[in-house]
């Protein structure tokens, strides 16, 4: 098998693994994909948001304002409430993030 064919097969496999599953919340998506792809800025969080039927405008800014400066920090600092079942229910769709407001910059 040629190197280009191997690379193509690996790229296809990675895309399948990184695909957002129907109804998959951000916490579950990051929990599933971070161990496989590692943390690289907000690549996975942005991919999840883009896959939503109604992507959340300004989601990355809202998460950064709460300590989520990369994918792993979104999972550990923003989404980890200590109650996985409640978390999955709370973050079942992108609309759950509409209540996150970036802090008022004048307050700083």
N, C-alpha and C. Protein backbone atom coordinates (compact mmCIF):
# COMPACT_ATOMS: atom_id res chain seq x y z
N UNK A 1 0.85 -1.18 0.00
CA UNK A 1 0.00 0.00 0.00
C UNK A 1 0.90 1.24 0.00
N UNK A 2 0.57 2.19 -0.86
CA UNK A 2 1.36 3.41 -0.96
C UNK A 2 1.14 4.31 0.26
N UNK A 3 2.14 5.13 0.52
CA UNK A 3 2.06 6.06 1.64
C UNK A 3 0.86 6.99 1.52
N UNK A 4 0.58 7.48 0.32
CA UNK A 4 -0.56 8.38 0.14
C UNK A 4 -1.88 7.68 0.43
N UNK A 5 -1.98 6.40 0.09
CA UNK A 5 -3.20 5.63 0.38
C UNK A 5 -3.37 5.41 1.88
N UNK A 6 -2.25 5.18 2.56
CA UNK A 6 -2.30 5.01 4.02
C UNK A 6 -2.72 6.31 4.68
N UNK A 7 -2.13 7.43 4.24
CA UNK A 7 -2.50 8.73 4.80
C UNK A 7 -3.97 9.02 4.57
N UNK A 8 -4.45 8.72 3.39
CA UNK A 8 -5.86 8.95 3.06
C UNK A 8 -6.77 8.11 3.96
N UNK A 9 -6.41 6.85 4.17
CA UNK A 9 -7.20 5.97 5.03
C UNK A 9 -7.20 6.47 6.47
N UNK A 10 -6.05 6.94 6.95
CA UNK A 10 -5.96 7.46 8.31
C UNK A 10 -6.78 8.75 8.47
N UNK A 11 -6.72 9.62 7.46
CA UNK A 11 -7.51 10.85 7.49
C UNK A 11 -9.00 10.54 7.55
N UNK A 12 -9.42 9.56 6.76
CA UNK A 12 -10.83 9.16 6.75
C UNK A 12 -11.24 8.58 8.10
N UNK A 13 -10.39 7.77 8.68
CA UNK A 13 -10.66 7.19 9.99
C UNK A 13 -10.76 8.27 11.06
N UNK A 14 -9.84 9.23 11.03
CA UNK A 14 -9.86 10.33 12.00
C UNK A 14 -11.13 11.16 11.86
N UNK A 15 -11.55 11.42 10.63
CA UNK A 15 -12.78 12.19 10.41
C UNK A 15 -13.99 11.44 10.97
N UNK A 16 -14.02 10.13 10.80
CA UNK A 16 -15.13 9.33 11.35
C UNK A 16 -15.15 9.39 12.87
N UNK A 17 -13.97 9.28 13.49
CA UNK A 17 -13.89 9.31 14.95
C UNK A 17 -14.27 10.68 15.49
N UNK A 18 -13.85 11.74 14.79
CA UNK A 18 -14.10 13.10 15.26
C UNK A 18 -15.50 13.60 14.92
N UNK A 19 -16.25 12.84 14.14
CA UNK A 19 -17.60 13.29 13.77
C UNK A 19 -18.49 13.40 15.01
N UNK A 20 -19.25 14.47 15.07
CA UNK A 20 -20.19 14.67 16.17
C UNK A 20 -21.39 13.76 15.96
N UNK A 21 -21.70 12.97 16.97
CA UNK A 21 -22.83 12.04 16.88
C UNK A 21 -24.14 12.79 17.10
N UNK A 22 -25.23 12.33 16.49
CA UNK A 22 -26.52 12.99 16.69
C UNK A 22 -26.88 13.07 18.17
N UNK A 23 -27.23 14.26 18.62
CA UNK A 23 -27.64 14.46 20.01
C UNK A 23 -26.50 14.45 21.02
N UNK A 24 -25.26 14.38 20.57
CA UNK A 24 -24.12 14.32 21.48
C UNK A 24 -23.83 15.70 22.06
N UNK A 25 -23.82 15.79 23.37
CA UNK A 25 -23.54 17.07 24.02
C UNK A 25 -22.03 17.36 23.96
N UNK A 26 -21.68 18.60 24.22
CA UNK A 26 -20.28 19.00 24.14
C UNK A 26 -19.41 18.23 25.13
N UNK A 27 -19.90 18.05 26.34
CA UNK A 27 -19.11 17.33 27.35
C UNK A 27 -18.80 15.91 26.91
N UNK A 28 -19.80 15.21 26.40
CA UNK A 28 -19.58 13.83 25.95
C UNK A 28 -18.68 13.78 24.72
N UNK A 29 -18.85 14.75 23.82
CA UNK A 29 -18.01 14.81 22.62
C UNK A 29 -16.54 15.02 23.00
N UNK A 30 -16.28 15.98 23.87
CA UNK A 30 -14.90 16.23 24.29
C UNK A 30 -14.33 15.06 25.06
N UNK A 31 -15.14 14.45 25.91
CA UNK A 31 -14.68 13.30 26.69
C UNK A 31 -14.30 12.14 25.77
N UNK A 32 -15.01 11.99 24.68
CA UNK A 32 -14.76 10.90 23.72
C UNK A 32 -13.57 11.22 22.80
N UNK A 33 -13.44 12.47 22.36
CA UNK A 33 -12.44 12.78 21.33
C UNK A 33 -11.10 13.29 21.86
N UNK A 34 -11.08 13.95 23.00
CA UNK A 34 -9.81 14.48 23.52
C UNK A 34 -8.75 13.40 23.70
N UNK A 35 -9.08 12.22 24.27
CA UNK A 35 -8.04 11.20 24.42
C UNK A 35 -7.45 10.73 23.08
N UNK A 36 -8.24 10.82 22.03
CA UNK A 36 -7.78 10.34 20.72
C UNK A 36 -6.99 11.39 19.94
N UNK A 37 -7.36 12.66 20.09
CA UNK A 37 -6.76 13.72 19.28
C UNK A 37 -5.91 14.69 20.08
N UNK A 38 -6.05 14.70 21.38
CA UNK A 38 -5.30 15.63 22.20
C UNK A 38 -5.91 17.02 22.15
N UNK A 39 -5.38 17.88 22.95
CA UNK A 39 -5.90 19.24 23.06
C UNK A 39 -5.08 20.17 22.18
N UNK A 40 -5.77 20.83 21.26
CA UNK A 40 -5.13 21.80 20.37
C UNK A 40 -6.06 22.99 20.23
N UNK A 41 -5.93 23.94 21.12
CA UNK A 41 -6.77 25.13 21.11
C UNK A 41 -8.24 24.73 21.27
N UNK A 42 -9.13 25.24 20.44
CA UNK A 42 -10.57 24.90 20.51
C UNK A 42 -11.02 24.15 19.26
N UNK A 43 -10.15 23.34 18.69
CA UNK A 43 -10.47 22.64 17.44
C UNK A 43 -11.72 21.78 17.60
N UNK A 44 -11.77 20.99 18.66
CA UNK A 44 -12.90 20.07 18.84
C UNK A 44 -14.17 20.81 19.27
N UNK A 45 -14.03 21.78 20.14
CA UNK A 45 -15.20 22.56 20.58
C UNK A 45 -15.81 23.28 19.38
N UNK A 46 -14.99 23.87 18.54
CA UNK A 46 -15.49 24.56 17.35
C UNK A 46 -16.15 23.58 16.39
N UNK A 47 -15.56 22.40 16.25
CA UNK A 47 -16.16 21.38 15.38
C UNK A 47 -17.53 20.98 15.90
N UNK A 48 -17.66 20.79 17.22
CA UNK A 48 -18.95 20.43 17.82
C UNK A 48 -19.97 21.55 17.56
N UNK A 49 -19.58 22.78 17.80
CA UNK A 49 -20.51 23.91 17.64
C UNK A 49 -20.97 24.02 16.18
N UNK A 50 -20.06 23.85 15.25
CA UNK A 50 -20.40 23.93 13.83
C UNK A 50 -21.39 22.83 13.43
N UNK A 51 -21.31 21.69 14.07
CA UNK A 51 -22.18 20.55 13.74
C UNK A 51 -23.60 20.71 14.28
N UNK A 52 -23.82 21.69 15.14
CA UNK A 52 -25.14 21.87 15.73
C UNK A 52 -26.11 22.48 14.72
N UNK A 53 -27.38 22.14 14.83
CA UNK A 53 -28.37 22.72 13.91
C UNK A 53 -28.46 24.23 14.10
N UNK A 54 -28.20 24.69 15.32
CA UNK A 54 -28.16 26.13 15.62
C UNK A 54 -26.88 26.41 16.39
N UNK A 55 -25.75 26.63 15.69
CA UNK A 55 -24.50 26.92 16.39
C UNK A 55 -24.65 28.15 17.30
N UNK A 56 -23.95 28.11 18.41
CA UNK A 56 -24.02 29.20 19.38
C UNK A 56 -23.07 30.31 18.97
N UNK A 57 -23.60 31.51 18.66
CA UNK A 57 -22.71 32.62 18.31
C UNK A 57 -21.82 32.99 19.50
N UNK A 58 -20.54 33.17 19.25
CA UNK A 58 -19.62 33.59 20.31
C UNK A 58 -19.35 32.55 21.37
N UNK A 59 -19.60 31.27 21.06
CA UNK A 59 -19.43 30.23 22.07
C UNK A 59 -18.02 30.21 22.64
N UNK A 60 -17.00 30.29 21.80
CA UNK A 60 -15.63 30.21 22.29
C UNK A 60 -15.31 31.35 23.25
N UNK A 61 -15.79 32.56 22.95
CA UNK A 61 -15.57 33.70 23.85
C UNK A 61 -16.27 33.48 25.18
N UNK A 62 -17.47 32.93 25.12
CA UNK A 62 -18.22 32.67 26.35
C UNK A 62 -17.52 31.61 27.21
N UNK A 63 -16.97 30.59 26.56
CA UNK A 63 -16.26 29.55 27.31
C UNK A 63 -14.93 30.07 27.86
N UNK A 64 -14.22 30.89 27.08
CA UNK A 64 -12.96 31.48 27.56
C UNK A 64 -13.20 32.34 28.79
N UNK A 65 -14.32 33.06 28.80
CA UNK A 65 -14.65 33.92 29.93
C UNK A 65 -14.86 33.12 31.21
N UNK A 66 -15.07 31.83 31.07
CA UNK A 66 -15.28 30.96 32.23
C UNK A 66 -14.11 30.01 32.47
N UNK A 67 -12.97 30.30 31.84
CA UNK A 67 -11.76 29.49 32.08
C UNK A 67 -11.52 28.42 31.06
N UNK A 68 -12.29 28.38 29.98
CA UNK A 68 -12.11 27.38 28.94
C UNK A 68 -11.28 27.91 27.80
N UNK A 69 -9.96 27.99 27.99
CA UNK A 69 -9.07 28.57 26.99
C UNK A 69 -8.60 27.58 25.93
N UNK A 70 -8.98 26.32 26.07
CA UNK A 70 -8.68 25.28 25.09
C UNK A 70 -9.69 24.15 25.32
N UNK A 71 -9.68 23.14 24.47
CA UNK A 71 -10.67 22.07 24.58
C UNK A 71 -10.63 21.37 25.94
N UNK A 72 -9.44 21.05 26.43
CA UNK A 72 -9.39 20.33 27.71
C UNK A 72 -9.86 21.22 28.86
N UNK A 73 -9.57 22.52 28.80
CA UNK A 73 -10.04 23.42 29.85
C UNK A 73 -11.55 23.65 29.77
N UNK A 74 -12.13 23.57 28.57
CA UNK A 74 -13.59 23.64 28.46
C UNK A 74 -14.19 22.47 29.23
N UNK A 75 -13.63 21.29 29.04
CA UNK A 75 -14.14 20.10 29.72
C UNK A 75 -13.89 20.17 31.22
N UNK A 76 -12.69 20.54 31.62
CA UNK A 76 -12.33 20.49 33.04
C UNK A 76 -12.77 21.72 33.84
N UNK A 77 -12.69 22.90 33.27
CA UNK A 77 -12.98 24.13 34.01
C UNK A 77 -14.41 24.62 33.85
N UNK A 78 -15.03 24.33 32.72
CA UNK A 78 -16.35 24.90 32.45
C UNK A 78 -17.46 23.86 32.60
N UNK A 79 -17.25 22.68 32.06
CA UNK A 79 -18.34 21.70 31.99
C UNK A 79 -18.37 20.71 33.14
N UNK A 80 -17.28 20.55 33.86
CA UNK A 80 -17.23 19.54 34.92
C UNK A 80 -17.94 20.05 36.17
N UNK A 81 -19.12 19.52 36.41
CA UNK A 81 -19.89 19.93 37.58
C UNK A 81 -19.86 18.88 38.68
N UNK A 82 -19.23 17.74 38.41
CA UNK A 82 -19.21 16.66 39.39
C UNK A 82 -20.43 15.77 39.30
N UNK A 83 -21.38 16.08 38.45
CA UNK A 83 -22.58 15.28 38.28
C UNK A 83 -22.78 15.00 36.80
N UNK A 84 -22.14 13.93 36.28
CA UNK A 84 -22.19 13.68 34.85
C UNK A 84 -23.60 13.54 34.29
N UNK A 85 -24.51 12.90 35.02
CA UNK A 85 -25.87 12.75 34.49
C UNK A 85 -26.54 14.11 34.36
N UNK A 86 -26.43 14.95 35.37
CA UNK A 86 -27.01 16.28 35.30
C UNK A 86 -26.35 17.12 34.22
N UNK A 87 -25.04 16.95 34.05
CA UNK A 87 -24.30 17.69 33.04
C UNK A 87 -24.79 17.31 31.66
N UNK A 88 -24.96 16.01 31.40
CA UNK A 88 -25.43 15.58 30.09
C UNK A 88 -26.81 16.14 29.80
N UNK A 89 -27.66 16.17 30.82
CA UNK A 89 -29.01 16.72 30.62
C UNK A 89 -28.95 18.22 30.36
N UNK A 90 -28.10 18.90 31.09
CA UNK A 90 -27.99 20.36 30.95
C UNK A 90 -27.42 20.76 29.59
N UNK A 91 -26.46 19.98 29.09
CA UNK A 91 -25.76 20.35 27.86
C UNK A 91 -26.15 19.45 26.69
N UNK A 92 -27.40 19.03 26.64
CA UNK A 92 -27.86 18.12 25.61
C UNK A 92 -27.91 18.76 24.23
N UNK A 93 -27.92 20.08 24.18
CA UNK A 93 -27.97 20.75 22.88
C UNK A 93 -27.28 22.10 22.97
N UNK A 94 -27.01 22.69 21.83
CA UNK A 94 -26.32 23.98 21.79
C UNK A 94 -27.12 25.07 22.47
N UNK A 95 -28.43 24.95 22.50
CA UNK A 95 -29.27 25.97 23.12
C UNK A 95 -28.96 26.13 24.61
N UNK A 96 -28.41 25.10 25.23
CA UNK A 96 -28.07 25.18 26.65
C UNK A 96 -27.02 26.25 26.90
N UNK A 97 -26.23 26.60 25.89
CA UNK A 97 -25.18 27.59 26.06
C UNK A 97 -25.68 29.01 25.88
N UNK A 98 -26.92 29.20 25.48
CA UNK A 98 -27.43 30.54 25.25
C UNK A 98 -27.49 31.36 26.54
N UNK A 99 -27.51 30.68 27.69
CA UNK A 99 -27.56 31.39 28.96
C UNK A 99 -26.19 31.88 29.41
N UNK A 100 -25.12 31.44 28.71
CA UNK A 100 -23.78 31.91 29.07
C UNK A 100 -23.57 33.29 28.48
N UNK A 101 -23.34 34.25 29.31
CA UNK A 101 -23.06 35.61 28.84
C UNK A 101 -21.61 35.94 29.12
N UNK A 102 -20.93 36.48 28.13
CA UNK A 102 -19.56 36.92 28.36
C UNK A 102 -19.59 38.06 29.38
N UNK A 103 -18.61 38.16 30.26
CA UNK A 103 -18.62 39.21 31.27
C UNK A 103 -18.58 40.59 30.61
N UNK A 104 -19.19 41.53 31.27
CA UNK A 104 -19.21 42.91 30.80
C UNK A 104 -17.80 43.46 30.87
N UNK A 105 -17.25 43.87 29.73
CA UNK A 105 -15.86 44.33 29.70
C UNK A 105 -15.67 45.60 30.51
N UNK A 106 -16.71 46.41 30.68
CA UNK A 106 -16.57 47.63 31.46
C UNK A 106 -16.36 47.32 32.94
N UNK A 107 -16.80 46.14 33.36
CA UNK A 107 -16.63 45.75 34.76
C UNK A 107 -15.16 45.48 35.08
N UNK A 108 -14.36 45.23 34.05
CA UNK A 108 -12.94 44.96 34.27
C UNK A 108 -12.20 46.24 34.30
